[in-house]
Amino acid sequence: MSKPTPIMFCPVIELNRLPMSELDVLRRFWTQHVRGMSRQDDKRLRRFVRRLFTAQAGEGFQLYIEEERSGPFHNRHRVILEKLFQSQERFKHIDALHDWLKLGAYWVTWGEGKNGNPIPKPRSTSFPECNEDQMREFHAAMVEYLHEPRSQRYLWKHLKPNQRAEMVETILAPPEGTPQ
């Protein structure tokens, strides 16, 4: 199991200011159609719902969603990374390419460099360090970065711009017969 995904949210208006018909629908939903998985979970859920219904506008809440990392999605990411590595001559090690992609996609934490200057350091995408939502966010940012002409030029300096773009599309294309 990877680390939980935090979700911050707040009511935009006090729920008790909703029209009675809408408030009734919400109450029935939470009390008749949603249950905690155990008695303790149900008590926690009911306490949360009470707090939500009495919250002021802008009062913040944070939920944590914990889910398994998707094996197929992770495998797809690794296949793309491997295809990208095999198609370029810039990087000698796949981990260096992955770190370059993390930097380009701003998947970083900030450390302290020489003279106290801040420097970006690639974040981990390991299962314990990176939850499913974060991995999908990084992957989307990585794909966006690969579509940028500057990253394409860096990887395939000898190709023409349209050939670079075609290279990216070929790498990102799912294998034949695979649903997207």
C-alpha atoms as a PDB file:
ATOM      1  CA  MET A   1       0.000   0.000   0.000  1.00  0.00           C
ATOM      2  CA  SER A   2       1.326   3.428  -0.872  1.00  0.00           C
ATOM      3  CA  LYS A   3       0.898   6.552   1.188  1.00  0.00           C
ATOM      4  CA  PRO A   4      -2.571   8.128   1.393  1.00  0.00           C
ATOM      5  CA  THR A   5      -3.654  10.944  -0.914  1.00  0.00           C
ATOM      6  CA  PRO A   6      -4.763  14.036   1.024  1.00  0.00           C
ATOM      7  CA  ILE A   7      -7.806  15.891  -0.285  1.00  0.00           C
ATOM      8  CA  MET A   8      -8.462  19.371   1.128  1.00  0.00           C
ATOM      9  CA  PHE A   9     -11.968  20.760   0.747  1.00  0.00           C
ATOM     10  CA  CYS A  10     -14.417  23.182   2.330  1.00  0.00           C
ATOM     11  CA  PRO A  11     -18.089  24.057   2.025  1.00  0.00           C
ATOM     12  CA  VAL A  12     -18.633  27.148  -0.089  1.00  0.00           C
ATOM     13  CA  ILE A  13     -21.749  28.003   1.911  1.00  0.00           C
ATOM     14  CA  GLU A  14     -23.035  26.658   5.200  1.00  0.00           C
ATOM     15  CA  LEU A  15     -24.987  23.532   4.315  1.00  0.00           C
ATOM     16  CA  ASN A  16     -27.784  24.511   6.698  1.00  0.00           C
ATOM     17  CA  ARG A  17     -28.416  27.526   4.408  1.00  0.00           C
ATOM     18  CA  LEU A  18     -29.421  25.268   1.513  1.00  0.00           C
ATOM     19  CA  PRO A  19     -33.104  25.051   0.612  1.00  0.00           C
ATOM     20  CA  MET A  20     -34.832  22.458   2.800  1.00  0.00           C
ATOM     21  CA  SER A  21     -35.473  20.159  -0.187  1.00  0.00           C
ATOM     22  CA  GLU A  22     -31.742  20.019  -1.064  1.00  0.00           C
ATOM     23  CA  LEU A  23     -30.713  19.636   2.557  1.00  0.00           C
ATOM     24  CA  ASP A  24     -33.129  16.742   2.948  1.00  0.00           C
ATOM     25  CA  VAL A  25     -31.636  14.959  -0.079  1.00  0.00           C
ATOM     26  CA  LEU A  26     -28.121  15.389   1.304  1.00  0.00           C
ATOM     27  CA  ARG A  27     -29.119  14.133   4.759  1.00  0.00           C
ATOM     28  CA  ARG A  28     -30.880  11.095   3.339  1.00  0.00           C
ATOM     29  CA  PHE A  29     -27.909  10.310   1.128  1.00  0.00           C
ATOM     30  CA  TRP A  30     -25.448  10.369   4.044  1.00  0.00           C
ATOM     31  CA  THR A  31     -27.702   8.587   6.515  1.00  0.00           C
ATOM     32  CA  GLN A  32     -29.406   5.985   4.321  1.00  0.00           C
ATOM     33  CA  HIS A  33     -27.054   5.294   1.424  1.00  0.00           C
ATOM     34  CA  VAL A  34     -23.553   5.487   2.895  1.00  0.00           C
ATOM     35  CA  ARG A  35     -22.226   3.380   5.777  1.00  0.00           C
ATOM     36  CA  GLY A  36     -18.890   2.828   7.425  1.00  0.00           C
ATOM     37  CA  MET A  37     -17.422  -0.625   6.834  1.00  0.00           C
ATOM     38  CA  SER A  38     -17.363  -1.394  10.563  1.00  0.00           C
ATOM     39  CA  ARG A  39     -19.207  -0.042  13.578  1.00  0.00           C
ATOM     40  CA  GLN A  40     -16.223   2.163  14.425  1.00  0.00           C
ATOM     41  CA  ASP A  41     -15.951   3.383  10.817  1.00  0.00           C
ATOM     42  CA  ASP A  42     -19.671   4.168  10.807  1.00  0.00           C
ATOM     43  CA  LYS A  43     -19.339   6.229  14.018  1.00  0.00           C
ATOM     44  CA  ARG A  44     -16.414   8.140  12.506  1.00  0.00           C
ATOM     45  CA  LEU A  45     -18.357   8.745   9.320  1.00  0.00           C
ATOM     46  CA  ARG A  46     -21.425  10.020  11.202  1.00  0.00           C
ATOM     47  CA  ARG A  47     -19.244  12.344  13.297  1.00  0.00           C
ATOM     48  CA  PHE A  48     -17.628  13.673  10.115  1.00  0.00           C
ATOM     49  CA  VAL A  49     -21.026  14.239   8.455  1.00  0.00           C
ATOM     50  CA  ARG A  50     -22.284  16.132  11.539  1.00  0.00           C
ATOM     51  CA  ARG A  51     -19.203  18.348  11.430  1.00  0.00           C
ATOM     52  CA  LEU A  52     -19.662  18.904   7.702  1.00  0.00           C
ATOM     53  CA  PHE A  53     -23.318  19.904   8.121  1.00  0.00           C
ATOM     54  CA  THR A  54     -22.438  22.410  10.871  1.00  0.00           C
ATOM     55  CA  ALA A  55     -19.290  23.803   9.213  1.00  0.00           C
ATOM     56  CA  GLN A  56     -18.958  27.456   8.332  1.00  0.00           C
ATOM     57  CA  ALA A  57     -18.265  28.507   4.746  1.00  0.00           C
ATOM     58  CA  GLY A  58     -14.553  28.137   4.114  1.00  0.00           C
ATOM     59  CA  GLU A  59     -13.963  25.830   7.093  1.00  0.00           C
ATOM     60  CA  GLY A  60     -11.408  23.335   5.853  1.00  0.00           C
ATOM     61  CA  PHE A  61     -11.439  19.562   6.011  1.00  0.00           C
ATOM     62  CA  GLN A  62      -8.880  17.058   4.891  1.00  0.00           C
ATOM     63  CA  LEU A  63      -9.657  13.492   3.876  1.00  0.00           C
ATOM     64  CA  TYR A  64      -7.101  10.838   3.096  1.00  0.00           C
ATOM     65  CA  ILE A  65      -7.754   8.309   0.362  1.00  0.00           C
ATOM     66  CA  GLU A  66      -5.616   5.210   0.408  1.00  0.00           C
ATOM     67  CA  GLU A  67      -5.576   2.926  -2.583  1.00  0.00           C
ATOM     68  CA  GLU A  68      -3.225   0.431  -4.131  1.00  0.00           C
ATOM     69  CA  ARG A  69      -0.983   1.668  -6.915  1.00  0.00           C
ATOM     70  CA  SER A  70      -2.235   0.420 -10.255  1.00  0.00           C
ATOM     71  CA  GLY A  71       0.078  -2.277 -11.543  1.00  0.00           C
ATOM     72  CA  PRO A  72      -1.028  -1.865 -15.185  1.00  0.00           C
ATOM     73  CA  PHE A  73      -0.625   1.930 -15.037  1.00  0.00           C
ATOM     74  CA  HIS A  74       2.813   1.641 -13.416  1.00  0.00           C
ATOM     75  CA  ASN A  75       3.842  -0.955 -15.999  1.00  0.00           C
ATOM     76  CA  ARG A  76       2.664   1.324 -18.820  1.00  0.00           C
ATOM     77  CA  HIS A  77       4.765   4.162 -17.389  1.00  0.00           C
ATOM     78  CA  ARG A  78       7.813   1.885 -17.247  1.00  0.00           C
ATOM     79  CA  VAL A  79       7.250   0.688 -20.836  1.00  0.00           C
ATOM     80  CA  ILE A  80       7.154   4.303 -22.043  1.00  0.00           C
ATOM     81  CA  LEU A  81      10.299   5.073 -20.076  1.00  0.00           C
ATOM     82  CA  GLU A  82      12.075   2.043 -21.572  1.00  0.00           C
ATOM     83  CA  LYS A  83      10.984   2.895 -25.136  1.00  0.00           C
ATOM     84  CA  LEU A  84      12.131   6.480 -24.619  1.00  0.00           C
ATOM     85  CA  PHE A  85      15.475   5.314 -23.237  1.00  0.00           C
ATOM     86  CA  GLN A  86      16.045   2.973 -26.197  1.00  0.00           C
ATOM     87  CA  SER A  87      15.201   5.687 -28.739  1.00  0.00           C
ATOM     88  CA  GLN A  88      17.636   8.344 -27.524  1.00  0.00           C
ATOM     89  CA  GLU A  89      21.415   8.648 -27.221  1.00  0.00           C
ATOM     90  CA  ARG A  90      21.619  11.457 -24.664  1.00  0.00           C
ATOM     91  CA  PHE A  91      21.463   9.345 -21.472  1.00  0.00           C
ATOM     92  CA  LYS A  92      23.634   6.340 -20.641  1.00  0.00           C
ATOM     93  CA  HIS A  93      21.457   5.183 -17.718  1.00  0.00           C
ATOM     94  CA  ILE A  94      17.679   4.926 -17.569  1.00  0.00           C
ATOM     95  CA  ASP A  95      17.599   6.379 -14.035  1.00  0.00           C
ATOM     96  CA  ALA A  96      19.299   9.543 -15.297  1.00  0.00           C
ATOM     97  CA  LEU A  97      16.640   9.854 -18.009  1.00  0.00           C
ATOM     98  CA  HIS A  98      13.886   9.340 -15.435  1.00  0.00           C
ATOM     99  CA  ASP A  99      15.412  12.035 -13.191  1.00  0.00           C
ATOM    100  CA  TRP A 100      15.645  14.420 -16.174  1.00  0.00           C
ATOM    101  CA  LEU A 101      11.959  13.803 -16.895  1.00  0.00           C
ATOM    102  CA  LYS A 102      11.097  14.451 -13.245  1.00  0.00           C
ATOM    103  CA  LEU A 103      12.967  17.753 -13.334  1.00  0.00           C
ATOM    104  CA  GLY A 104      11.321  18.772 -16.615  1.00  0.00           C
ATOM    105  CA  ALA A 105       7.888  17.865 -15.264  1.00  0.00           C
ATOM    106  CA  TYR A 106       8.621  19.785 -12.028  1.00  0.00           C
ATOM    107  CA  TRP A 107       8.306  16.584 -10.003  1.00  0.00           C
ATOM    108  CA  VAL A 108      10.795  17.923  -7.470  1.00  0.00           C
ATOM    109  CA  THR A 109      11.511  18.825  -3.904  1.00  0.00           C
ATOM    110  CA  TRP A 110      13.782  21.729  -3.123  1.00  0.00           C
ATOM    111  CA  GLY A 111      17.128  21.258  -1.453  1.00  0.00           C
ATOM    112  CA  GLU A 112      19.965  23.581  -0.619  1.00  0.00           C
ATOM    113  CA  GLY A 113      22.846  23.885  -3.048  1.00  0.00           C
ATOM    114  CA  LYS A 114      26.133  25.722  -2.876  1.00  0.00           C
ATOM    115  CA  ASN A 115      25.972  29.105  -1.182  1.00  0.00           C
ATOM    116  CA  GLY A 116      22.531  28.227   0.175  1.00  0.00           C
ATOM    117  CA  ASN A 117      20.853  28.532  -3.210  1.00  0.00           C
ATOM    118  CA  PRO A 118      17.773  26.365  -3.659  1.00  0.00           C
ATOM    119  CA  ILE A 119      18.142  23.473  -6.098  1.00  0.00           C
ATOM    120  CA  PRO A 120      15.487  21.096  -7.407  1.00  0.00           C
ATOM    121  CA  LYS A 121      15.876  17.415  -6.583  1.00  0.00           C
ATOM    122  CA  PRO A 122      13.831  14.734  -8.369  1.00  0.00           C
ATOM    123  CA  ARG A 123      11.082  13.236  -6.194  1.00  0.00           C
ATOM    124  CA  SER A 124      10.702   9.518  -5.789  1.00  0.00           C
ATOM    125  CA  THR A 125       8.063   7.545  -7.672  1.00  0.00           C
ATOM    126  CA  SER A 126       8.589   4.419  -5.585  1.00  0.00           C
ATOM    127  CA  PHE A 127       5.477   2.650  -4.340  1.00  0.00           C
ATOM    128  CA  PRO A 128       5.947   3.636  -0.660  1.00  0.00           C
ATOM    129  CA  GLU A 129       6.790   7.266  -1.494  1.00  0.00           C
ATOM    130  CA  CYS A 130       4.306   8.055  -4.257  1.00  0.00           C
ATOM    131  CA  ASN A 131       0.599   7.303  -4.164  1.00  0.00           C
ATOM    132  CA  GLU A 132      -1.575   6.483  -7.180  1.00  0.00           C
ATOM    133  CA  ASP A 133      -2.883  10.026  -7.668  1.00  0.00           C
ATOM    134  CA  GLN A 134       0.600  11.504  -7.453  1.00  0.00           C
ATOM    135  CA  MET A 135       1.962   8.958  -9.919  1.00  0.00           C
ATOM    136  CA  ARG A 136      -0.784   9.794 -12.402  1.00  0.00           C
ATOM    137  CA  GLU A 137      -0.100  13.529 -11.938  1.00  0.00           C
ATOM    138  CA  PHE A 138       3.617  13.008 -12.546  1.00  0.00           C
ATOM    139  CA  HIS A 139       2.946  10.818 -15.588  1.00  0.00           C
ATOM    140  CA  ALA A 140       0.637  13.457 -17.116  1.00  0.00           C
ATOM    141  CA  ALA A 141       3.232  16.185 -16.470  1.00  0.00           C
ATOM    142  CA  MET A 142       5.946  13.966 -17.977  1.00  0.00           C
ATOM    143  CA  VAL A 143       3.865  13.388 -21.135  1.00  0.00           C
ATOM    144  CA  GLU A 144       3.211  17.131 -21.371  1.00  0.00           C
ATOM    145  CA  TYR A 145       6.950  17.789 -21.004  1.00  0.00           C
ATOM    146  CA  LEU A 146       7.757  15.272 -23.744  1.00  0.00           C
ATOM    147  CA  HIS A 147       5.466  17.195 -26.084  1.00  0.00           C
ATOM    148  CA  GLU A 148       7.485  20.391 -25.588  1.00  0.00           C
ATOM    149  CA  PRO A 149       9.873  21.211 -28.456  1.00  0.00           C
ATOM    150  CA  ARG A 150      12.728  21.950 -26.037  1.00  0.00           C
ATOM    151  CA  SER A 151      12.641  18.465 -24.511  1.00  0.00           C
ATOM    152  CA  GLN A 152      12.363  16.869 -27.949  1.00  0.00           C
ATOM    153  CA  ARG A 153      15.307  18.945 -29.198  1.00  0.00           C
ATOM    154  CA  TYR A 154      17.371  17.835 -26.188  1.00  0.00           C
ATOM    155  CA  LEU A 155      16.664  14.139 -26.773  1.00  0.00           C
ATOM    156  CA  TRP A 156      16.943  14.097 -30.571  1.00  0.00           C
ATOM    157  CA  LYS A 157      19.099  17.034 -31.611  1.00  0.00           C
ATOM    158  CA  HIS A 158      19.848  15.453 -35.017  1.00  0.00           C
ATOM    159  CA  LEU A 159      16.161  15.098 -36.021  1.00  0.00           C
ATOM    160  CA  LYS A 160      13.913  17.715 -37.603  1.00  0.00           C
ATOM    161  CA  PRO A 161      11.124  19.124 -35.394  1.00  0.00           C
ATOM    162  CA  ASN A 162       8.365  17.109 -37.076  1.00  0.00           C
ATOM    163  CA  GLN A 163      10.440  13.910 -36.747  1.00  0.00           C
ATOM    164  CA  ARG A 164      10.952  14.611 -33.040  1.00  0.00           C
ATOM    165  CA  ALA A 165       7.223  15.040 -32.522  1.00  0.00           C
ATOM    166  CA  GLU A 166       6.557  11.789 -34.416  1.00  0.00           C
ATOM    167  CA  MET A 167       9.120  10.048 -32.225  1.00  0.00           C
ATOM    168  CA  VAL A 168       7.257  11.127 -29.091  1.00  0.00           C
ATOM    169  CA  GLU A 169       3.909   9.982 -30.487  1.00  0.00           C
ATOM    170  CA  THR A 170       5.386   6.599 -31.418  1.00  0.00           C
ATOM    171  CA  ILE A 171       6.823   6.161 -27.930  1.00  0.00           C
ATOM    172  CA  LEU A 172       3.597   7.188 -26.206  1.00  0.00           C
ATOM    173  CA  ALA A 173       1.348   5.073 -28.435  1.00  0.00           C
ATOM    174  CA  PRO A 174      -0.088   2.083 -26.572  1.00  0.00           C
ATOM    175  CA  PRO A 175       0.924  -1.345 -27.881  1.00  0.00           C
ATOM    176  CA  GLU A 176      -1.419  -2.726 -30.542  1.00  0.00           C
ATOM    177  CA  GLY A 177      -4.551  -4.287 -29.086  1.00  0.00           C
ATOM    178  CA  THR A 178      -4.152  -2.467 -25.760  1.00  0.00           C
ATOM    179  CA  PRO A 179      -7.039  -0.275 -24.561  1.00  0.00           C
ATOM    180  CA  GLN A 180      -6.019   3.338 -23.944  1.00  0.00           C
END
